[in-house]
């Protein structure tokens, strides 16, 4: 019978954990980004209305 143990390389066995490697200063949810974009669009429309 074949040997059932598998020799993996040292470390993570070729897998990367992105959550452990990268820490951002800004943690934004997708809803916050969409709300911010909507505020910019509304501000732009109001500028067009009031500064005509």
C-alpha atoms as a PDB file:
ATOM      1  CA  UNK A   1       0.000   0.000   0.000  1.00  0.00           C
ATOM      2  CA  UNK A   2       0.999   3.574  -0.569  1.00  0.00           C
ATOM      3  CA  UNK A   3       2.061   5.772   2.290  1.00  0.00           C
ATOM      4  CA  UNK A   4      -0.911   7.892   3.473  1.00  0.00           C
ATOM      5  CA  UNK A   5       1.048  10.792   4.990  1.00  0.00           C
ATOM      6  CA  UNK A   6       1.546  13.897   2.880  1.00  0.00           C
ATOM      7  CA  UNK A   7       4.551  16.167   3.288  1.00  0.00           C
ATOM      8  CA  UNK A   8       3.515  19.820   3.050  1.00  0.00           C
ATOM      9  CA  UNK A   9       5.981  22.665   2.670  1.00  0.00           C
ATOM     10  CA  UNK A  10       6.651  24.693   5.766  1.00  0.00           C
ATOM     11  CA  UNK A  11       4.390  27.643   6.465  1.00  0.00           C
ATOM     12  CA  UNK A  12       0.811  27.635   5.295  1.00  0.00           C
ATOM     13  CA  UNK A  13       1.068  24.819   2.783  1.00  0.00           C
ATOM     14  CA  UNK A  14       0.710  27.186  -0.177  1.00  0.00           C
ATOM     15  CA  UNK A  15      -2.382  28.924   1.202  1.00  0.00           C
ATOM     16  CA  UNK A  16      -2.421  32.617   2.017  1.00  0.00           C
ATOM     17  CA  UNK A  17      -4.526  34.314   4.641  1.00  0.00           C
ATOM     18  CA  UNK A  18      -5.229  37.824   3.396  1.00  0.00           C
ATOM     19  CA  UNK A  19      -7.154  38.803   6.519  1.00  0.00           C
ATOM     20  CA  UNK A  20      -4.086  38.213   8.681  1.00  0.00           C
ATOM     21  CA  UNK A  21      -1.692  40.078   6.403  1.00  0.00           C
ATOM     22  CA  UNK A  22      -3.481  43.334   5.622  1.00  0.00           C
ATOM     23  CA  UNK A  23      -4.902  45.783   8.149  1.00  0.00           C
ATOM     24  CA  UNK A  24      -6.449  48.994   6.836  1.00  0.00           C
ATOM     25  CA  UNK A  25      -6.884  52.269   8.696  1.00  0.00           C
ATOM     26  CA  UNK A  26     -10.314  52.783   7.078  1.00  0.00           C
ATOM     27  CA  UNK A  27     -12.881  50.024   7.459  1.00  0.00           C
ATOM     28  CA  UNK A  28     -15.821  51.005   5.245  1.00  0.00           C
ATOM     29  CA  UNK A  29     -18.915  48.962   4.642  1.00  0.00           C
ATOM     30  CA  UNK A  30     -20.369  48.906   1.123  1.00  0.00           C
ATOM     31  CA  UNK A  31     -23.470  50.726   2.389  1.00  0.00           C
ATOM     32  CA  UNK A  32     -21.309  53.613   3.597  1.00  0.00           C
ATOM     33  CA  UNK A  33     -19.655  53.922   0.194  1.00  0.00           C
ATOM     34  CA  UNK A  34     -23.016  53.915  -1.623  1.00  0.00           C
ATOM     35  CA  UNK A  35     -24.424  56.525   0.798  1.00  0.00           C
ATOM     36  CA  UNK A  36     -21.375  58.753   0.268  1.00  0.00           C
ATOM     37  CA  UNK A  37     -21.739  58.518  -3.527  1.00  0.00           C
ATOM     38  CA  UNK A  38     -25.450  59.345  -3.254  1.00  0.00           C
ATOM     39  CA  UNK A  39     -24.634  62.423  -1.143  1.00  0.00           C
ATOM     40  CA  UNK A  40     -22.159  63.625  -3.768  1.00  0.00           C
ATOM     41  CA  UNK A  41     -24.760  63.164  -6.535  1.00  0.00           C
ATOM     42  CA  UNK A  42     -27.425  65.053  -4.543  1.00  0.00           C
ATOM     43  CA  UNK A  43     -24.951  67.844  -3.781  1.00  0.00           C
ATOM     44  CA  UNK A  44     -24.088  68.130  -7.472  1.00  0.00           C
ATOM     45  CA  UNK A  45     -27.769  68.322  -8.461  1.00  0.00           C
ATOM     46  CA  UNK A  46     -28.438  70.999  -5.826  1.00  0.00           C
ATOM     47  CA  UNK A  47     -25.481  73.039  -7.087  1.00  0.00           C
ATOM     48  CA  UNK A  48     -26.938  72.915 -10.580  1.00  0.00           C
ATOM     49  CA  UNK A  49     -30.362  74.047  -9.358  1.00  0.00           C
ATOM     50  CA  UNK A  50     -29.246  76.908  -7.089  1.00  0.00           C
ATOM     51  CA  UNK A  51     -26.393  78.290  -9.207  1.00  0.00           C
ATOM     52  CA  UNK A  52     -28.261  78.522 -12.539  1.00  0.00           C
END
